[in-house]
Amino acid sequence: SSRSDCGPSPPPNNSRPALLSASPHPLLAMALRLIGTAALLLATACAGAPASDAVSLVQRPMNPAEPHPDQKADKAVRKVKEVRKHKDEEDREHRLHENQISEEQTRHEEDEVMKSHAVEEKSNKQTSLKAAYHEKEVRLVKADNDEKEHNYSERNAKRAAKAAQRALDMEEHRKREEEKKAKDLYAKTQHEGETDPQALEALLHPTEGK
């Protein structure tokens, strides 16, 4: 049955058609002989193989450079792996870049916070120094004013005491002068014979009754 599938068997080599031997052109005769040889080989292969193998033998591509399907699959898998590896590298570089940016931003924020604290601390220190200096100035001014006030009060008290003493001294001096005048007048009246007691008393104590 396998022979019937491959077609009729070619005639034996000793029974070549008369066309091959009687061809007037040598190249045409050679081509016809090659065709006959190929048909004989095909028939021989078909005679020893099943019909399905013969069909697959006929349908098999004649280009030996065409890759095997398994090789195509392996190549596709390698391509997918390369693409995935490239994508993973890009993702890793992107993550590293993002982490670097985040770290730089964090350092920048920390630097800004430290600068702000330093400025605030300096400002507070300057404010404290200004307050202490102002308080010192106030104390110095108050102490100076207190000293001036004390000195002024002391001078005023001394002047008042001197004025009071001067007034007392003047009063004593006036009294002594009046008493002296009265005694002198009394002596004069006694010498002149004045005997009125009231007149004599007025002469001795001229300030009484005023």
C-alpha atoms as a PDB file:
ATOM      1  CA  SER A   1       0.000   0.000   0.000  1.00  0.00           C
ATOM      2  CA  SER A   2       2.916   2.352   0.717  1.00  0.00           C
ATOM      3  CA  ARG A   3       4.157   1.884  -2.815  1.00  0.00           C
ATOM      4  CA  SER A   4       0.762   2.875  -4.225  1.00  0.00           C
ATOM      5  CA  ASP A   5       0.880   6.093  -2.156  1.00  0.00           C
ATOM      6  CA  CYS A   6       4.201   7.145  -3.627  1.00  0.00           C
ATOM      7  CA  GLY A   7       2.972   6.686  -7.212  1.00  0.00           C
ATOM      8  CA  PRO A   8       4.059   4.275  -9.953  1.00  0.00           C
ATOM      9  CA  SER A   9       7.583   2.911  -9.744  1.00  0.00           C
ATOM     10  CA  PRO A  10       9.980   4.263 -12.362  1.00  0.00           C
ATOM     11  CA  PRO A  11      11.143   1.936 -15.095  1.00  0.00           C
ATOM     12  CA  PRO A  12      14.475   0.160 -14.565  1.00  0.00           C
ATOM     13  CA  ASN A  13      17.700   1.820 -15.723  1.00  0.00           C
ATOM     14  CA  ASN A  14      18.021  -0.499 -18.742  1.00  0.00           C
ATOM     15  CA  SER A  15      14.568   0.528 -20.001  1.00  0.00           C
ATOM     16  CA  ARG A  16      15.165   4.316 -20.455  1.00  0.00           C
ATOM     17  CA  PRO A  17      12.796   6.095 -22.801  1.00  0.00           C
ATOM     18  CA  ALA A  18      13.951   6.544 -26.280  1.00  0.00           C
ATOM     19  CA  LEU A  19      13.631  10.354 -25.769  1.00  0.00           C
ATOM     20  CA  LEU A  20      16.659  10.427 -23.430  1.00  0.00           C
ATOM     21  CA  SER A  21      18.939   8.566 -25.769  1.00  0.00           C
ATOM     22  CA  ALA A  22      17.666  10.187 -28.887  1.00  0.00           C
ATOM     23  CA  SER A  23      17.771  13.817 -27.606  1.00  0.00           C
ATOM     24  CA  PRO A  24      19.616  15.925 -30.077  1.00  0.00           C
ATOM     25  CA  HIS A  25      20.846  18.414 -27.311  1.00  0.00           C
ATOM     26  CA  PRO A  26      23.346  17.020 -24.788  1.00  0.00           C
ATOM     27  CA  LEU A  27      22.336  19.478 -21.934  1.00  0.00           C
ATOM     28  CA  LEU A  28      18.693  18.605 -22.301  1.00  0.00           C
ATOM     29  CA  ALA A  29      19.552  14.938 -22.141  1.00  0.00           C
ATOM     30  CA  MET A  30      21.597  15.514 -18.953  1.00  0.00           C
ATOM     31  CA  ALA A  31      18.743  17.418 -17.317  1.00  0.00           C
ATOM     32  CA  LEU A  32      16.300  14.675 -18.139  1.00  0.00           C
ATOM     33  CA  ARG A  33      18.647  12.097 -16.660  1.00  0.00           C
ATOM     34  CA  LEU A  34      18.935  14.107 -13.401  1.00  0.00           C
ATOM     35  CA  ILE A  35      15.179  14.392 -13.153  1.00  0.00           C
ATOM     36  CA  GLY A  36      14.852  10.657 -13.633  1.00  0.00           C
ATOM     37  CA  THR A  37      17.479   9.964 -10.985  1.00  0.00           C
ATOM     38  CA  ALA A  38      15.694  12.244  -8.500  1.00  0.00           C
ATOM     39  CA  ALA A  39      12.401  10.519  -9.191  1.00  0.00           C
ATOM     40  CA  LEU A  40      14.072   7.136  -8.675  1.00  0.00           C
ATOM     41  CA  LEU A  41      15.538   8.239  -5.332  1.00  0.00           C
ATOM     42  CA  LEU A  42      12.204   9.618  -4.214  1.00  0.00           C
ATOM     43  CA  ALA A  43      10.466   6.408  -5.167  1.00  0.00           C
ATOM     44  CA  THR A  44      13.059   4.359  -3.304  1.00  0.00           C
ATOM     45  CA  ALA A  45      12.619   6.511  -0.161  1.00  0.00           C
ATOM     46  CA  CYS A  46       8.861   6.218  -0.386  1.00  0.00           C
ATOM     47  CA  ALA A  47       9.094   2.456  -0.762  1.00  0.00           C
ATOM     48  CA  GLY A  48      10.869   2.079   2.629  1.00  0.00           C
ATOM     49  CA  ALA A  49       8.909   4.691   4.623  1.00  0.00           C
ATOM     50  CA  PRO A  50       5.265   5.253   5.553  1.00  0.00           C
ATOM     51  CA  ALA A  51       3.137   7.646   3.582  1.00  0.00           C
ATOM     52  CA  SER A  52       3.101  10.309   6.367  1.00  0.00           C
ATOM     53  CA  ASP A  53       6.916  10.304   6.554  1.00  0.00           C
ATOM     54  CA  ALA A  54       7.120  10.619   2.821  1.00  0.00           C
ATOM     55  CA  VAL A  55       4.762  13.581   2.857  1.00  0.00           C
ATOM     56  CA  SER A  56       6.750  15.240   5.650  1.00  0.00           C
ATOM     57  CA  LEU A  57       9.943  14.532   3.718  1.00  0.00           C
ATOM     58  CA  VAL A  58       8.500  16.262   0.698  1.00  0.00           C
ATOM     59  CA  GLN A  59       7.144  19.202   2.744  1.00  0.00           C
ATOM     60  CA  ARG A  60      10.349  19.695   4.797  1.00  0.00           C
ATOM     61  CA  PRO A  61      12.012  23.024   3.950  1.00  0.00           C
ATOM     62  CA  MET A  62      15.081  22.731   1.832  1.00  0.00           C
ATOM     63  CA  ASN A  63      16.862  25.800   3.438  1.00  0.00           C
ATOM     64  CA  PRO A  64      19.325  24.410   5.981  1.00  0.00           C
ATOM     65  CA  ALA A  65      19.957  27.955   7.419  1.00  0.00           C
ATOM     66  CA  GLU A  66      16.397  28.260   8.812  1.00  0.00           C
ATOM     67  CA  PRO A  67      16.542  27.855  12.644  1.00  0.00           C
ATOM     68  CA  HIS A  68      14.812  25.058  14.478  1.00  0.00           C
ATOM     69  CA  PRO A  69      11.537  25.973  16.254  1.00  0.00           C
ATOM     70  CA  ASP A  70      13.159  25.149  19.601  1.00  0.00           C
ATOM     71  CA  GLN A  71      15.960  27.551  18.791  1.00  0.00           C
ATOM     72  CA  LYS A  72      13.392  30.231  17.978  1.00  0.00           C
ATOM     73  CA  ALA A  73      11.712  29.651  21.351  1.00  0.00           C
ATOM     74  CA  ASP A  74      15.046  29.799  23.201  1.00  0.00           C
ATOM     75  CA  LYS A  75      15.939  32.987  21.374  1.00  0.00           C
ATOM     76  CA  ALA A  76      12.585  34.518  22.287  1.00  0.00           C
ATOM     77  CA  VAL A  77      13.066  33.525  25.943  1.00  0.00           C
ATOM     78  CA  ARG A  78      16.555  35.039  25.972  1.00  0.00           C
ATOM     79  CA  LYS A  79      15.178  38.213  24.416  1.00  0.00           C
ATOM     80  CA  VAL A  80      12.479  38.432  27.083  1.00  0.00           C
ATOM     81  CA  LYS A  81      15.093  37.885  29.799  1.00  0.00           C
ATOM     82  CA  GLU A  82      17.326  40.597  28.338  1.00  0.00           C
ATOM     83  CA  VAL A  83      14.419  43.032  28.140  1.00  0.00           C
ATOM     84  CA  ARG A  84      13.423  42.200  31.721  1.00  0.00           C
ATOM     85  CA  LYS A  85      17.020  42.577  32.905  1.00  0.00           C
ATOM     86  CA  HIS A  86      17.298  45.928  31.162  1.00  0.00           C
ATOM     87  CA  LYS A  87      13.994  47.023  32.700  1.00  0.00           C
ATOM     88  CA  ASP A  88      15.137  45.898  36.163  1.00  0.00           C
ATOM     89  CA  GLU A  89      18.381  47.855  35.765  1.00  0.00           C
ATOM     90  CA  GLU A  90      16.461  50.951  34.709  1.00  0.00           C
ATOM     91  CA  ASP A  91      14.108  50.554  37.685  1.00  0.00           C
ATOM     92  CA  ARG A  92      17.055  50.098  40.051  1.00  0.00           C
ATOM     93  CA  GLU A  93      18.808  53.188  38.669  1.00  0.00           C
ATOM     94  CA  HIS A  94      15.565  55.135  38.969  1.00  0.00           C
ATOM     95  CA  ARG A  95      15.152  54.033  42.597  1.00  0.00           C
ATOM     96  CA  LEU A  96      18.751  54.954  43.371  1.00  0.00           C
ATOM     97  CA  HIS A  97      18.227  58.356  41.770  1.00  0.00           C
ATOM     98  CA  GLU A  98      15.022  58.916  43.730  1.00  0.00           C
ATOM     99  CA  ASN A  99      16.729  57.852  46.965  1.00  0.00           C
ATOM    100  CA  GLN A 100      19.618  60.203  46.247  1.00  0.00           C
ATOM    101  CA  ILE A 101      17.237  63.092  45.616  1.00  0.00           C
ATOM    102  CA  SER A 102      15.321  62.252  48.801  1.00  0.00           C
ATOM    103  CA  GLU A 103      18.530  62.109  50.845  1.00  0.00           C
ATOM    104  CA  GLU A 104      19.727  65.419  49.416  1.00  0.00           C
ATOM    105  CA  GLN A 105      16.362  67.011  50.172  1.00  0.00           C
ATOM    106  CA  THR A 106      16.449  65.610  53.707  1.00  0.00           C
ATOM    107  CA  ARG A 107      19.971  66.965  54.252  1.00  0.00           C
ATOM    108  CA  HIS A 108      18.902  70.325  52.856  1.00  0.00           C
ATOM    109  CA  GLU A 109      15.908  70.452  55.197  1.00  0.00           C
ATOM    110  CA  GLU A 110      18.095  69.493  58.161  1.00  0.00           C
ATOM    111  CA  ASP A 111      20.587  72.214  57.212  1.00  0.00           C
ATOM    112  CA  GLU A 112      17.777  74.752  56.977  1.00  0.00           C
ATOM    113  CA  VAL A 113      16.449  73.695  60.401  1.00  0.00           C
ATOM    114  CA  MET A 114      19.933  73.989  61.911  1.00  0.00           C
ATOM    115  CA  LYS A 115      20.400  77.410  60.307  1.00  0.00           C
ATOM    116  CA  SER A 116      17.014  78.505  61.626  1.00  0.00           C
ATOM    117  CA  HIS A 117      17.894  77.285  65.120  1.00  0.00           C
ATOM    118  CA  ALA A 118      21.259  79.033  64.940  1.00  0.00           C
ATOM    119  CA  VAL A 119      19.645  82.298  63.805  1.00  0.00           C
ATOM    120  CA  GLU A 120      16.970  81.998  66.488  1.00  0.00           C
ATOM    121  CA  GLU A 121      19.562  81.216  69.155  1.00  0.00           C
ATOM    122  CA  LYS A 122      21.697  84.151  68.031  1.00  0.00           C
ATOM    123  CA  SER A 123      18.670  86.427  68.030  1.00  0.00           C
ATOM    124  CA  ASN A 124      17.655  85.249  71.509  1.00  0.00           C
ATOM    125  CA  LYS A 125      21.214  85.743  72.734  1.00  0.00           C
ATOM    126  CA  GLN A 126      21.327  89.244  71.282  1.00  0.00           C
ATOM    127  CA  THR A 127      17.941  89.996  72.833  1.00  0.00           C
ATOM    128  CA  SER A 128      19.153  88.719  76.206  1.00  0.00           C
ATOM    129  CA  LEU A 129      22.345  90.758  75.941  1.00  0.00           C
ATOM    130  CA  LYS A 130      20.375  93.866  74.995  1.00  0.00           C
ATOM    131  CA  ALA A 131      17.976  93.301  77.892  1.00  0.00           C
ATOM    132  CA  ALA A 132      20.860  92.777  80.332  1.00  0.00           C
ATOM    133  CA  TYR A 133      22.651  95.882  79.032  1.00  0.00           C
ATOM    134  CA  HIS A 134      19.463  97.926  79.292  1.00  0.00           C
ATOM    135  CA  GLU A 135      18.848  96.639  82.815  1.00  0.00           C
ATOM    136  CA  LYS A 136      22.413  97.534  83.758  1.00  0.00           C
ATOM    137  CA  GLU A 137      21.970 101.013  82.322  1.00  0.00           C
ATOM    138  CA  VAL A 138      18.737 101.429  84.269  1.00  0.00           C
ATOM    139  CA  ARG A 139      20.473 100.348  87.488  1.00  0.00           C
ATOM    140  CA  LEU A 140      23.379 102.707  86.858  1.00  0.00           C
ATOM    141  CA  VAL A 141      21.064 105.613  86.092  1.00  0.00           C
ATOM    142  CA  LYS A 142      18.970 104.853  89.168  1.00  0.00           C
ATOM    143  CA  ALA A 143      22.048 104.583  91.359  1.00  0.00           C
ATOM    144  CA  ASP A 144      23.350 107.878  89.986  1.00  0.00           C
ATOM    145  CA  ASN A 145      20.004 109.547  90.519  1.00  0.00           C
ATOM    146  CA  ASP A 146      19.741 108.124  94.017  1.00  0.00           C
ATOM    147  CA  GLU A 147      23.223 109.400  94.822  1.00  0.00           C
ATOM    148  CA  LYS A 148      22.412 112.813  93.394  1.00  0.00           C
ATOM    149  CA  GLU A 149      19.133 112.899  95.313  1.00  0.00           C
ATOM    150  CA  HIS A 150      20.903 111.906  98.506  1.00  0.00           C
ATOM    151  CA  ASN A 151      23.581 114.525  98.003  1.00  0.00           C
ATOM    152  CA  TYR A 152      20.938 117.135  97.200  1.00  0.00           C
ATOM    153  CA  SER A 153      18.913 116.232 100.256  1.00  0.00           C
ATOM    154  CA  GLU A 154      22.030 116.262 102.405  1.00  0.00           C
ATOM    155  CA  ARG A 155      23.058 119.653 101.078  1.00  0.00           C
ATOM    156  CA  ASN A 156      19.563 120.982 101.576  1.00  0.00           C
ATOM    157  CA  ALA A 157      19.525 119.668 105.119  1.00  0.00           C
ATOM    158  CA  LYS A 158      22.889 121.258 105.821  1.00  0.00           C
ATOM    159  CA  ARG A 159      21.752 124.542 104.313  1.00  0.00           C
ATOM    160  CA  ALA A 160      18.558 124.425 106.320  1.00  0.00           C
ATOM    161  CA  ALA A 161      20.481 123.676 109.496  1.00  0.00           C
ATOM    162  CA  LYS A 162      22.899 126.500 108.792  1.00  0.00           C
ATOM    163  CA  ALA A 163      20.047 128.859 108.050  1.00  0.00           C
ATOM    164  CA  ALA A 164      18.285 127.878 111.271  1.00  0.00           C
ATOM    165  CA  GLN A 165      21.461 128.257 113.258  1.00  0.00           C
ATOM    166  CA  ARG A 166      22.116 131.590 111.631  1.00  0.00           C
ATOM    167  CA  ALA A 167      18.613 132.703 112.505  1.00  0.00           C
ATOM    168  CA  LEU A 168      19.119 131.614 116.112  1.00  0.00           C
ATOM    169  CA  ASP A 169      22.459 133.335 116.242  1.00  0.00           C
ATOM    170  CA  MET A 170      20.960 136.503 114.810  1.00  0.00           C
ATOM    171  CA  GLU A 171      18.111 136.338 117.291  1.00  0.00           C
ATOM    172  CA  GLU A 172      20.491 135.857 120.186  1.00  0.00           C
ATOM    173  CA  HIS A 173      22.639 138.670 118.892  1.00  0.00           C
ATOM    174  CA  ARG A 174      19.596 140.913 118.561  1.00  0.00           C
ATOM    175  CA  LYS A 175      18.464 140.065 122.055  1.00  0.00           C
ATOM    176  CA  ARG A 176      21.848 140.757 123.455  1.00  0.00           C
ATOM    177  CA  GLU A 177      21.996 144.046 121.621  1.00  0.00           C
ATOM    178  CA  GLU A 178      18.561 145.032 122.890  1.00  0.00           C
ATOM    179  CA  GLU A 179      19.416 143.999 126.429  1.00  0.00           C
ATOM    180  CA  LYS A 180      22.595 145.970 126.219  1.00  0.00           C
ATOM    181  CA  LYS A 181      20.727 148.988 124.924  1.00  0.00           C
ATOM    182  CA  ALA A 182      18.123 148.580 127.661  1.00  0.00           C
ATOM    183  CA  LYS A 183      20.745 148.361 130.361  1.00  0.00           C
ATOM    184  CA  ASP A 184      22.502 151.366 128.970  1.00  0.00           C
ATOM    185  CA  LEU A 185      19.207 153.270 128.876  1.00  0.00           C
ATOM    186  CA  TYR A 186      18.334 152.140 132.416  1.00  0.00           C
ATOM    187  CA  ALA A 187      21.628 153.269 133.685  1.00  0.00           C
ATOM    188  CA  LYS A 188      21.138 156.576 131.931  1.00  0.00           C
ATOM    189  CA  THR A 189      17.664 157.054 133.394  1.00  0.00           C
ATOM    190  CA  GLN A 190      18.898 156.150 136.839  1.00  0.00           C
ATOM    191  CA  HIS A 191      21.563 158.651 136.433  1.00  0.00           C
ATOM    192  CA  GLU A 192      19.037 161.272 135.375  1.00  0.00           C
ATOM    193  CA  GLY A 193      16.607 160.404 138.230  1.00  0.00           C
ATOM    194  CA  GLU A 194      13.834 158.490 136.399  1.00  0.00           C
ATOM    195  CA  THR A 195      11.783 156.511 138.964  1.00  0.00           C
ATOM    196  CA  ASP A 196       8.706 155.240 137.040  1.00  0.00           C
ATOM    197  CA  PRO A 197       8.642 151.421 137.489  1.00  0.00           C
ATOM    198  CA  GLN A 198       6.722 150.731 134.287  1.00  0.00           C
ATOM    199  CA  ALA A 199       9.103 152.842 132.276  1.00  0.00           C
ATOM    200  CA  LEU A 200      12.019 151.085 133.854  1.00  0.00           C
ATOM    201  CA  GLU A 201      10.457 147.669 133.114  1.00  0.00           C
ATOM    202  CA  ALA A 202       9.871 148.681 129.497  1.00  0.00           C
ATOM    203  CA  LEU A 203      13.438 149.713 129.192  1.00  0.00           C
ATOM    204  CA  LEU A 204      14.718 146.415 130.630  1.00  0.00           C
ATOM    205  CA  HIS A 205      12.370 144.206 128.557  1.00  0.00           C
ATOM    206  CA  PRO A 206      11.532 146.089 125.394  1.00  0.00           C
ATOM    207  CA  THR A 207      10.387 143.002 123.432  1.00  0.00           C
ATOM    208  CA  GLU A 208       7.800 141.821 125.929  1.00  0.00           C
ATOM    209  CA  GLY A 209       4.332 142.910 125.041  1.00  0.00           C
ATOM    210  CA  LYS A 210       5.092 143.179 121.293  1.00  0.00           C
END
